[in-house]
Amino acid sequence: MKSAITANRLTDGAVLFLTAVETWSEKMADAGVATDQATEDRLLKAGQVSAEAQHVVDPYVVPLIEGQDEISPMDRRERIRGTGPTVQQEFNTRRHGSDVGAAAEKGR
């Protein structure tokens, strides 16, 4: 089974995905995909080291399914985490790439 490592950035809570080169990205498409237990263990260990350095919080393994054009978390909760809030879409920076502060000001 394929998997990836996810966590939240300590400074702002953003959902992050560990890349194959052990850096963090906000894009699920950038996630390093583990296809075997040794790779999964290596990536999880890198995530735990990052957590110990207080860059991220709670790194863990996310099982993946592979579609025709992309990878996707198997679990609905993880799909929502990866794409952003399901309400008030104008504030969803993952889908719109906008500044949350600017969107909030516009909504006042």
Protein backbone atom coordinates (compact mmCIF):
# COMPACT_ATOMS: atom_id res chain seq x y z
CA MET A 1 0.00 0.00 0.00
CA LYS A 2 1.21 3.50 -0.81
CA SER A 3 1.46 6.14 1.91
CA ALA A 4 2.67 9.65 2.70
CA ILE A 5 3.55 11.62 5.83
CA THR A 6 1.52 14.61 6.95
CA ALA A 7 1.72 17.03 9.87
CA ASN A 8 0.75 20.57 10.82
CA ARG A 9 3.18 23.50 10.78
CA LEU A 10 3.79 24.67 14.33
CA THR A 11 3.67 28.39 13.57
CA ASP A 12 0.29 28.57 11.81
CA GLY A 13 -1.27 25.10 11.81
CA ALA A 14 -1.08 24.70 8.03
CA VAL A 15 -1.41 21.14 6.76
CA LEU A 16 1.92 19.94 5.36
CA PHE A 17 3.13 16.92 3.43
CA LEU A 18 6.66 15.55 3.62
CA THR A 19 8.35 15.39 0.22
CA ALA A 20 10.64 12.62 -1.01
CA VAL A 21 13.64 14.85 -0.23
CA GLU A 22 12.37 15.34 3.35
CA THR A 23 11.19 18.93 3.10
CA TRP A 24 7.64 20.08 3.86
CA SER A 25 5.13 21.28 1.30
CA GLU A 26 1.57 22.59 1.56
CA LYS A 27 0.72 20.73 -1.67
CA MET A 28 -0.44 17.14 -1.44
CA ALA A 29 0.88 16.60 -4.97
CA ASP A 30 4.40 17.21 -3.63
CA ALA A 31 4.16 14.43 -1.03
CA GLY A 32 6.83 11.77 -1.09
CA VAL A 33 4.99 8.53 -1.78
CA ALA A 34 6.23 5.50 0.12
CA THR A 35 5.69 2.26 -1.76
CA ASP A 36 7.36 0.02 0.81
CA GLN A 37 7.74 -0.18 4.58
CA ALA A 38 11.40 0.92 4.58
CA THR A 39 10.59 4.16 2.73
CA GLU A 40 7.59 4.83 4.95
CA ASP A 41 9.74 4.30 8.07
CA ARG A 42 12.45 6.63 6.72
CA LEU A 43 9.97 9.40 5.90
CA LEU A 44 8.14 9.04 9.22
CA LYS A 45 11.46 9.25 11.09
CA ALA A 46 12.32 12.45 9.15
CA GLY A 47 8.92 13.86 10.13
CA GLN A 48 9.52 12.98 13.77
CA VAL A 49 12.92 14.68 13.70
CA SER A 50 11.22 17.80 12.29
CA ALA A 51 8.66 17.62 15.11
CA GLU A 52 11.43 17.36 17.71
CA ALA A 53 12.97 20.51 16.17
CA GLN A 54 9.55 22.15 16.63
CA HIS A 55 8.89 22.79 12.94
CA VAL A 56 5.76 20.62 12.79
CA VAL A 57 3.30 18.95 15.12
CA ASP A 58 2.21 15.29 15.11
CA PRO A 59 3.61 13.78 11.90
CA TYR A 60 1.83 10.57 10.92
CA VAL A 61 1.31 8.12 8.05
CA VAL A 62 -1.57 8.62 5.62
CA PRO A 63 -2.57 5.65 3.44
CA LEU A 64 -3.01 6.70 -0.21
CA ILE A 65 -5.00 5.59 -3.20
CA GLU A 66 -3.76 6.33 -6.68
CA GLY A 67 -6.13 7.68 -9.31
CA GLN A 68 -5.44 8.14 -13.00
CA ASP A 69 -3.86 11.58 -12.59
CA GLU A 70 -3.13 12.02 -8.89
CA ILE A 71 -2.70 10.49 -5.49
CA SER A 72 -5.31 10.97 -2.82
CA PRO A 73 -5.63 10.03 0.85
CA MET A 74 -7.77 6.97 1.40
CA ASP A 75 -9.61 8.53 4.34
CA ARG A 76 -12.22 11.28 3.85
CA ARG A 77 -10.86 13.23 6.83
CA GLU A 78 -7.42 13.36 5.24
CA ARG A 79 -8.87 14.44 1.88
CA ILE A 80 -10.58 17.35 3.64
CA ARG A 81 -7.38 18.25 5.53
CA GLY A 82 -5.49 18.26 2.26
CA THR A 83 -7.91 20.46 0.34
CA GLY A 84 -9.03 22.83 3.08
CA PRO A 85 -12.27 23.79 4.81
CA THR A 86 -15.59 22.59 3.45
CA VAL A 87 -17.42 25.82 4.34
CA GLN A 88 -16.86 29.50 3.50
CA GLN A 89 -14.90 28.71 0.36
CA GLU A 90 -13.78 32.33 -0.12
CA PHE A 91 -11.52 31.86 2.93
CA ASN A 92 -9.99 28.62 1.68
CA THR A 93 -6.43 29.48 0.65
CA ARG A 94 -5.78 25.91 -0.53
CA ARG A 95 -8.42 26.16 -3.24
CA HIS A 96 -8.12 29.83 -4.14
CA GLY A 97 -4.49 30.70 -3.34
CA SER A 98 -5.61 33.96 -1.77
CA ASP A 99 -4.49 35.68 1.38
CA VAL A 100 -6.74 34.75 4.31
CA GLY A 101 -6.32 38.18 5.88
CA ALA A 102 -7.35 39.96 2.69
CA ALA A 103 -10.38 37.67 2.29
CA ALA A 104 -11.40 38.32 5.88
CA GLU A 105 -11.11 42.08 5.41
CA LYS A 106 -13.17 41.91 2.25
CA GLY A 107 -15.87 39.99 4.11
CA ARG A 108 -16.26 42.63 6.84
